[in-house]
Amino acid sequence: MNTLTKENKEEVTGKVAEKVEKTPVKVYSPNVDVLETEAELLFRVEMPGVDQSSVEISIEKDQLILEGKFVTQVESRGQVRLAEYREGNYFRKFTIGKAIHSDKATAKMKNGILELTIPKMEPKKTKIEIQK
């Protein structure tokens, strides 16, 4: 009988992990409504099945990036005969400009809808004197 040495076990485990990492993950583009007022931008993003702990929101320069991970739950009540929900990631990217207060943005999630509110900066008013 062939037993695995510690080195062989690590090699086999590494190959299995490598194979799992290479498995393609479906990327979904969520539906988004963007509303703009004089004071703020409001994003409503559909992410059904996504737990709020797996949502990532980032603003880099003038890019807003919204990401969420959807993981299907293992069904223990019977044998699965049809499964149309698949694991995957939600991803959207927007160019929003630089006239916002990204540090004052707020987000909340309820019933699979992410609401992100980003306050806008008031435009600077500068009076320029004409030189004589």
N, C-alpha and C. Protein backbone atom coordinates (compact mmCIF):
# COMPACT_ATOMS: atom_id res chain seq x y z
N MET A 1 0.84 -1.18 0.00
CA MET A 1 0.00 0.00 0.00
C MET A 1 0.89 1.24 0.00
N ASN A 2 0.53 2.21 -0.83
CA ASN A 2 1.32 3.41 -0.96
C ASN A 2 0.77 4.49 -0.02
N THR A 3 1.62 5.00 0.84
CA THR A 3 1.20 6.07 1.74
C THR A 3 1.83 7.37 1.29
N LEU A 4 1.16 8.45 1.57
CA LEU A 4 1.68 9.77 1.18
C LEU A 4 2.63 10.28 2.25
N THR A 5 3.80 10.68 1.82
CA THR A 5 4.70 11.34 2.75
C THR A 5 4.21 12.76 2.93
N LYS A 6 4.75 13.46 3.89
CA LYS A 6 4.34 14.84 4.14
C LYS A 6 4.55 15.70 2.89
N GLU A 7 5.69 15.52 2.21
CA GLU A 7 6.01 16.29 1.01
C GLU A 7 5.02 15.98 -0.11
N ASN A 8 4.72 14.68 -0.32
CA ASN A 8 3.78 14.30 -1.37
C ASN A 8 2.37 14.82 -1.06
N LYS A 9 1.99 14.77 0.21
CA LYS A 9 0.67 15.25 0.60
C LYS A 9 0.54 16.75 0.29
N GLU A 10 1.58 17.52 0.61
CA GLU A 10 1.57 18.95 0.33
C GLU A 10 1.51 19.21 -1.18
N GLU A 11 2.21 18.39 -1.96
CA GLU A 11 2.20 18.55 -3.41
C GLU A 11 0.81 18.28 -3.98
N VAL A 12 0.18 17.20 -3.51
CA VAL A 12 -1.17 16.86 -3.98
C VAL A 12 -2.15 17.94 -3.55
N THR A 13 -2.08 18.37 -2.30
CA THR A 13 -2.96 19.42 -1.80
C THR A 13 -2.77 20.70 -2.60
N GLY A 14 -1.54 21.05 -2.89
CA GLY A 14 -1.24 22.25 -3.68
C GLY A 14 -1.83 22.17 -5.07
N LYS A 15 -1.74 20.98 -5.72
CA LYS A 15 -2.29 20.82 -7.07
C LYS A 15 -3.81 20.94 -7.05
N VAL A 16 -4.46 20.39 -6.03
CA VAL A 16 -5.91 20.50 -5.93
C VAL A 16 -6.31 21.96 -5.73
N ALA A 17 -5.61 22.66 -4.85
CA ALA A 17 -5.90 24.07 -4.60
C ALA A 17 -5.67 24.89 -5.86
N GLU A 18 -4.61 24.59 -6.59
CA GLU A 18 -4.30 25.29 -7.84
C GLU A 18 -5.42 25.09 -8.85
N LYS A 19 -5.94 23.87 -8.94
CA LYS A 19 -7.02 23.55 -9.87
C LYS A 19 -8.29 24.32 -9.50
N VAL A 20 -8.58 24.39 -8.20
CA VAL A 20 -9.76 25.10 -7.72
C VAL A 20 -9.64 26.58 -8.05
N GLU A 21 -8.44 27.17 -7.85
CA GLU A 21 -8.23 28.58 -8.13
C GLU A 21 -8.41 28.89 -9.61
N LYS A 22 -8.12 27.96 -10.49
CA LYS A 22 -8.22 28.20 -11.92
C LYS A 22 -9.64 28.02 -12.45
N THR A 23 -10.54 27.49 -11.61
CA THR A 23 -11.92 27.31 -12.04
C THR A 23 -12.52 28.69 -12.28
N PRO A 24 -13.05 28.91 -13.51
CA PRO A 24 -13.58 30.24 -13.80
C PRO A 24 -14.81 30.57 -12.96
N VAL A 25 -14.88 31.80 -12.50
CA VAL A 25 -16.01 32.29 -11.73
C VAL A 25 -16.80 33.22 -12.62
N LYS A 26 -18.09 33.03 -12.67
CA LYS A 26 -18.95 33.88 -13.49
C LYS A 26 -18.99 35.29 -12.90
N VAL A 27 -18.92 36.29 -13.76
CA VAL A 27 -18.99 37.68 -13.33
C VAL A 27 -20.28 38.27 -13.88
N TYR A 28 -21.12 38.75 -12.96
CA TYR A 28 -22.40 39.34 -13.33
C TYR A 28 -22.28 40.86 -13.29
N SER A 29 -22.99 41.51 -14.19
CA SER A 29 -23.06 42.97 -14.20
C SER A 29 -24.42 43.35 -13.61
N PRO A 30 -24.43 43.86 -12.38
CA PRO A 30 -25.71 44.12 -11.72
C PRO A 30 -26.42 45.32 -12.35
N ASN A 31 -27.74 45.32 -12.25
CA ASN A 31 -28.52 46.47 -12.69
C ASN A 31 -28.28 47.61 -11.71
N VAL A 32 -28.13 48.82 -12.24
CA VAL A 32 -27.83 49.98 -11.41
C VAL A 32 -28.69 51.16 -11.84
N ASP A 33 -29.25 51.86 -10.87
CA ASP A 33 -29.89 53.15 -11.10
C ASP A 33 -28.98 54.21 -10.49
N VAL A 34 -28.73 55.28 -11.23
CA VAL A 34 -27.92 56.38 -10.71
C VAL A 34 -28.78 57.64 -10.73
N LEU A 35 -28.94 58.23 -9.56
CA LEU A 35 -29.71 59.46 -9.42
C LEU A 35 -28.77 60.57 -8.98
N GLU A 36 -29.00 61.77 -9.50
CA GLU A 36 -28.15 62.90 -9.14
C GLU A 36 -29.00 64.08 -8.72
N THR A 37 -28.66 64.65 -7.58
CA THR A 37 -29.27 65.88 -7.12
C THR A 37 -28.17 66.94 -7.06
N GLU A 38 -28.52 68.13 -6.64
CA GLU A 38 -27.49 69.16 -6.52
C GLU A 38 -26.48 68.80 -5.44
N ALA A 39 -26.92 68.03 -4.45
CA ALA A 39 -26.07 67.74 -3.30
C ALA A 39 -25.37 66.39 -3.32
N GLU A 40 -25.89 65.41 -4.09
CA GLU A 40 -25.33 64.06 -3.99
C GLU A 40 -25.58 63.21 -5.22
N LEU A 41 -24.84 62.09 -5.26
CA LEU A 41 -25.07 61.02 -6.23
C LEU A 41 -25.60 59.83 -5.45
N LEU A 42 -26.64 59.18 -5.98
CA LEU A 42 -27.21 58.01 -5.33
C LEU A 42 -27.16 56.85 -6.32
N PHE A 43 -26.55 55.75 -5.89
CA PHE A 43 -26.46 54.53 -6.69
C PHE A 43 -27.32 53.47 -6.02
N ARG A 44 -28.23 52.87 -6.79
CA ARG A 44 -29.00 51.71 -6.32
C ARG A 44 -28.56 50.52 -7.17
N VAL A 45 -28.02 49.51 -6.51
CA VAL A 45 -27.40 48.38 -7.19
C VAL A 45 -28.07 47.08 -6.77
N GLU A 46 -28.56 46.31 -7.75
CA GLU A 46 -29.16 45.01 -7.47
C GLU A 46 -28.07 43.96 -7.30
N MET A 47 -28.04 43.32 -6.14
CA MET A 47 -27.11 42.22 -5.88
C MET A 47 -27.82 41.13 -5.11
N PRO A 48 -28.79 40.45 -5.76
CA PRO A 48 -29.53 39.42 -5.04
C PRO A 48 -28.63 38.28 -4.58
N GLY A 49 -28.88 37.84 -3.36
CA GLY A 49 -28.13 36.71 -2.83
C GLY A 49 -26.78 37.06 -2.25
N VAL A 50 -26.41 38.34 -2.29
CA VAL A 50 -25.10 38.76 -1.80
C VAL A 50 -25.22 39.21 -0.35
N ASP A 51 -24.38 38.67 0.51
CA ASP A 51 -24.32 39.09 1.89
C ASP A 51 -23.54 40.40 1.96
N GLN A 52 -24.00 41.33 2.77
CA GLN A 52 -23.35 42.64 2.80
C GLN A 52 -21.89 42.57 3.23
N SER A 53 -21.50 41.53 3.93
CA SER A 53 -20.09 41.40 4.33
C SER A 53 -19.18 41.09 3.14
N SER A 54 -19.76 40.65 2.02
CA SER A 54 -18.92 40.33 0.86
C SER A 54 -18.95 41.45 -0.19
N VAL A 55 -19.56 42.58 0.13
CA VAL A 55 -19.61 43.71 -0.79
C VAL A 55 -18.40 44.61 -0.55
N GLU A 56 -17.75 44.99 -1.63
CA GLU A 56 -16.62 45.92 -1.55
C GLU A 56 -16.91 47.13 -2.42
N ILE A 57 -16.74 48.31 -1.84
CA ILE A 57 -16.95 49.56 -2.56
C ILE A 57 -15.66 50.35 -2.43
N SER A 58 -15.13 50.80 -3.56
CA SER A 58 -13.90 51.61 -3.50
C SER A 58 -13.98 52.74 -4.50
N ILE A 59 -13.34 53.83 -4.15
CA ILE A 59 -13.23 54.99 -5.04
C ILE A 59 -11.75 55.29 -5.17
N GLU A 60 -11.26 55.18 -6.40
CA GLU A 60 -9.86 55.45 -6.70
C GLU A 60 -9.82 56.50 -7.79
N LYS A 61 -9.24 57.64 -7.45
CA LYS A 61 -9.23 58.79 -8.36
C LYS A 61 -10.66 59.12 -8.73
N ASP A 62 -11.04 58.96 -9.98
CA ASP A 62 -12.42 59.27 -10.38
C ASP A 62 -13.21 58.01 -10.73
N GLN A 63 -12.78 56.86 -10.24
CA GLN A 63 -13.43 55.58 -10.54
C GLN A 63 -14.12 55.02 -9.30
N LEU A 64 -15.41 54.71 -9.44
CA LEU A 64 -16.15 54.02 -8.41
C LEU A 64 -16.22 52.55 -8.81
N ILE A 65 -15.79 51.67 -7.91
CA ILE A 65 -15.80 50.23 -8.19
C ILE A 65 -16.70 49.54 -7.17
N LEU A 66 -17.68 48.79 -7.69
CA LEU A 66 -18.62 48.06 -6.86
C LEU A 66 -18.44 46.57 -7.11
N GLU A 67 -18.22 45.80 -6.04
CA GLU A 67 -18.02 44.36 -6.17
C GLU A 67 -18.80 43.63 -5.09
N GLY A 68 -19.28 42.46 -5.43
CA GLY A 68 -19.97 41.61 -4.47
C GLY A 68 -19.79 40.16 -4.85
N LYS A 69 -19.71 39.31 -3.86
CA LYS A 69 -19.52 37.88 -4.12
C LYS A 69 -20.80 37.14 -3.74
N PHE A 70 -21.26 36.30 -4.67
CA PHE A 70 -22.45 35.49 -4.46
C PHE A 70 -22.04 34.04 -4.32
N VAL A 71 -22.40 33.42 -3.21
CA VAL A 71 -22.05 32.02 -2.97
C VAL A 71 -23.35 31.26 -2.76
N THR A 72 -23.54 30.20 -3.55
CA THR A 72 -24.75 29.39 -3.39
C THR A 72 -24.66 28.58 -2.11
N GLN A 73 -25.80 28.35 -1.52
CA GLN A 73 -25.84 27.58 -0.29
C GLN A 73 -26.05 26.11 -0.62
N VAL A 74 -25.39 25.27 0.14
CA VAL A 74 -25.53 23.82 -0.06
C VAL A 74 -26.89 23.41 0.48
N GLU A 75 -27.64 22.75 -0.37
CA GLU A 75 -28.99 22.31 0.01
C GLU A 75 -28.91 20.98 0.73
N SER A 76 -29.45 20.93 1.93
CA SER A 76 -29.38 19.69 2.71
C SER A 76 -30.74 19.00 2.81
N ARG A 77 -31.76 19.57 2.17
CA ARG A 77 -33.11 19.00 2.30
C ARG A 77 -33.43 17.96 1.23
N GLY A 78 -32.54 17.75 0.31
CA GLY A 78 -32.83 16.77 -0.73
C GLY A 78 -31.80 16.85 -1.84
N GLN A 79 -31.99 16.02 -2.84
CA GLN A 79 -31.06 15.99 -3.97
C GLN A 79 -31.45 17.09 -4.96
N VAL A 80 -30.48 17.85 -5.40
CA VAL A 80 -30.72 18.94 -6.33
C VAL A 80 -31.04 18.37 -7.71
N ARG A 81 -32.16 18.75 -8.28
CA ARG A 81 -32.58 18.29 -9.60
C ARG A 81 -32.37 19.38 -10.66
N LEU A 82 -32.41 20.63 -10.25
CA LEU A 82 -32.19 21.76 -11.15
C LEU A 82 -31.56 22.87 -10.34
N ALA A 83 -30.46 23.43 -10.83
CA ALA A 83 -29.78 24.52 -10.13
C ALA A 83 -29.40 25.59 -11.14
N GLU A 84 -30.13 26.70 -11.13
CA GLU A 84 -29.85 27.79 -12.06
C GLU A 84 -29.05 28.91 -11.41
N TYR A 85 -29.05 28.96 -10.08
CA TYR A 85 -28.22 29.94 -9.39
C TYR A 85 -26.80 29.40 -9.32
N ARG A 86 -25.87 30.21 -9.75
CA ARG A 86 -24.46 29.79 -9.73
C ARG A 86 -23.65 30.79 -8.94
N GLU A 87 -22.59 30.30 -8.35
CA GLU A 87 -21.68 31.20 -7.66
C GLU A 87 -21.08 32.17 -8.66
N GLY A 88 -20.79 33.35 -8.19
CA GLY A 88 -20.19 34.33 -9.08
C GLY A 88 -19.94 35.63 -8.37
N ASN A 89 -19.45 36.57 -9.11
CA ASN A 89 -19.14 37.89 -8.57
C ASN A 89 -19.91 38.95 -9.34
N TYR A 90 -20.35 39.96 -8.62
CA TYR A 90 -20.94 41.13 -9.25
C TYR A 90 -19.84 42.17 -9.39
N PHE A 91 -19.83 42.88 -10.51
CA PHE A 91 -18.79 43.89 -10.73
C PHE A 91 -19.33 45.00 -11.62
N ARG A 92 -19.17 46.25 -11.18
CA ARG A 92 -19.48 47.41 -12.01
C ARG A 92 -18.46 48.49 -11.68
N LYS A 93 -18.15 49.29 -12.69
CA LYS A 93 -17.18 50.37 -12.54
C LYS A 93 -17.76 51.61 -13.20
N PHE A 94 -17.67 52.75 -12.52
CA PHE A 94 -18.19 54.01 -13.02
C PHE A 94 -17.14 55.10 -12.92
N THR A 95 -17.14 56.00 -13.88
CA THR A 95 -16.34 57.22 -13.79
C THR A 95 -17.26 58.28 -13.21
N ILE A 96 -16.88 58.84 -12.06
CA ILE A 96 -17.79 59.77 -11.38
C ILE A 96 -17.25 61.19 -11.28
N GLY A 97 -16.05 61.44 -11.73
CA GLY A 97 -15.50 62.78 -11.60
C GLY A 97 -14.85 62.98 -10.24
N LYS A 98 -14.26 64.11 -10.07
CA LYS A 98 -13.50 64.35 -8.83
C LYS A 98 -14.22 65.28 -7.86
N ALA A 99 -15.39 65.79 -8.20
CA ALA A 99 -16.07 66.76 -7.35
C ALA A 99 -17.00 66.09 -6.34
N ILE A 100 -16.46 65.12 -5.60
CA ILE A 100 -17.26 64.41 -4.59
C ILE A 100 -16.49 64.34 -3.27
N HIS A 101 -17.23 64.07 -2.21
CA HIS A 101 -16.63 63.83 -0.89
C HIS A 101 -16.63 62.31 -0.67
N SER A 102 -15.65 61.62 -1.18
CA SER A 102 -15.62 60.16 -1.05
C SER A 102 -15.52 59.71 0.40
N ASP A 103 -14.92 60.52 1.25
CA ASP A 103 -14.78 60.15 2.66
C ASP A 103 -16.09 60.29 3.44
N LYS A 104 -17.09 60.94 2.85
CA LYS A 104 -18.39 61.09 3.51
C LYS A 104 -19.47 60.20 2.88
N ALA A 105 -19.06 59.29 2.02
CA ALA A 105 -20.01 58.39 1.37
C ALA A 105 -20.61 57.43 2.39
N THR A 106 -21.88 57.06 2.17
CA THR A 106 -22.55 56.10 3.05
C THR A 106 -23.17 55.00 2.19
N ALA A 107 -23.23 53.81 2.75
CA ALA A 107 -23.81 52.68 2.02
C ALA A 107 -24.65 51.84 2.98
N LYS A 108 -25.75 51.32 2.45
CA LYS A 108 -26.56 50.38 3.22
C LYS A 108 -27.12 49.35 2.25
N MET A 109 -27.42 48.18 2.78
CA MET A 109 -27.92 47.10 1.94
C MET A 109 -29.14 46.48 2.60
N LYS A 110 -30.20 46.32 1.78
CA LYS A 110 -31.42 45.73 2.29
C LYS A 110 -32.09 44.98 1.15
N ASN A 111 -32.47 43.73 1.42
CA ASN A 111 -33.17 42.89 0.45
C ASN A 111 -32.45 42.79 -0.89
N GLY A 112 -31.13 42.70 -0.87
CA GLY A 112 -30.36 42.52 -2.10
C GLY A 112 -30.15 43.80 -2.89
N ILE A 113 -30.51 44.96 -2.33
CA ILE A 113 -30.30 46.24 -3.00
C ILE A 113 -29.30 47.06 -2.18
N LEU A 114 -28.21 47.41 -2.83
CA LEU A 114 -27.19 48.27 -2.22
C LEU A 114 -27.53 49.71 -2.57
N GLU A 115 -27.58 50.59 -1.56
CA GLU A 115 -27.78 52.01 -1.79
C GLU A 115 -26.53 52.74 -1.32
N LEU A 116 -25.90 53.40 -2.26
CA LEU A 116 -24.66 54.14 -1.99
C LEU A 116 -24.93 55.61 -2.25
N THR A 117 -24.66 56.45 -1.26
CA THR A 117 -24.86 57.88 -1.39
C THR A 117 -23.50 58.57 -1.26
N ILE A 118 -23.17 59.39 -2.26
CA ILE A 118 -21.90 60.11 -2.26
C ILE A 118 -22.19 61.60 -2.36
N PRO A 119 -21.87 62.37 -1.31
CA PRO A 119 -22.09 63.81 -1.36
C PRO A 119 -21.17 64.48 -2.39
N LYS A 120 -21.71 65.49 -3.04
CA LYS A 120 -20.92 66.25 -4.01
C LYS A 120 -20.29 67.46 -3.32
N MET A 121 -19.16 67.89 -3.83
CA MET A 121 -18.51 69.10 -3.33
C MET A 121 -19.17 70.31 -3.96
N GLU A 122 -19.22 71.36 -3.19
CA GLU A 122 -19.71 72.61 -3.78
C GLU A 122 -18.61 73.16 -4.66
N PRO A 123 -18.97 73.63 -5.85
CA PRO A 123 -17.93 74.18 -6.72
C PRO A 123 -17.31 75.42 -6.10
N LYS A 124 -16.01 75.51 -6.25
CA LYS A 124 -15.29 76.67 -5.73
C LYS A 124 -15.58 77.86 -6.62
N LYS A 125 -15.87 78.97 -5.98
CA LYS A 125 -16.08 80.20 -6.72
C LYS A 125 -14.87 81.09 -6.50
N THR A 126 -14.21 81.38 -7.56
CA THR A 126 -12.99 82.18 -7.49
C THR A 126 -13.16 83.41 -8.37
N LYS A 127 -12.90 84.54 -7.78
CA LYS A 127 -12.96 85.78 -8.55
C LYS A 127 -11.54 86.11 -9.00
N ILE A 128 -11.39 86.31 -10.28
CA ILE A 128 -10.07 86.61 -10.83
C ILE A 128 -10.02 88.10 -11.20
N GLU A 129 -9.07 88.75 -10.62
CA GLU A 129 -8.87 90.17 -10.90
C GLU A 129 -8.10 90.34 -12.19
N ILE A 130 -8.50 91.32 -12.96
CA ILE A 130 -7.80 91.63 -14.20
C ILE A 130 -6.67 92.60 -13.87
N GLN A 131 -5.48 92.22 -14.29
CA GLN A 131 -4.31 93.06 -14.00
C GLN A 131 -4.30 94.29 -14.92
N LYS A 132 -3.77 95.39 -14.39
CA LYS A 132 -3.67 96.62 -15.18
C LYS A 132 -2.35 96.72 -15.84
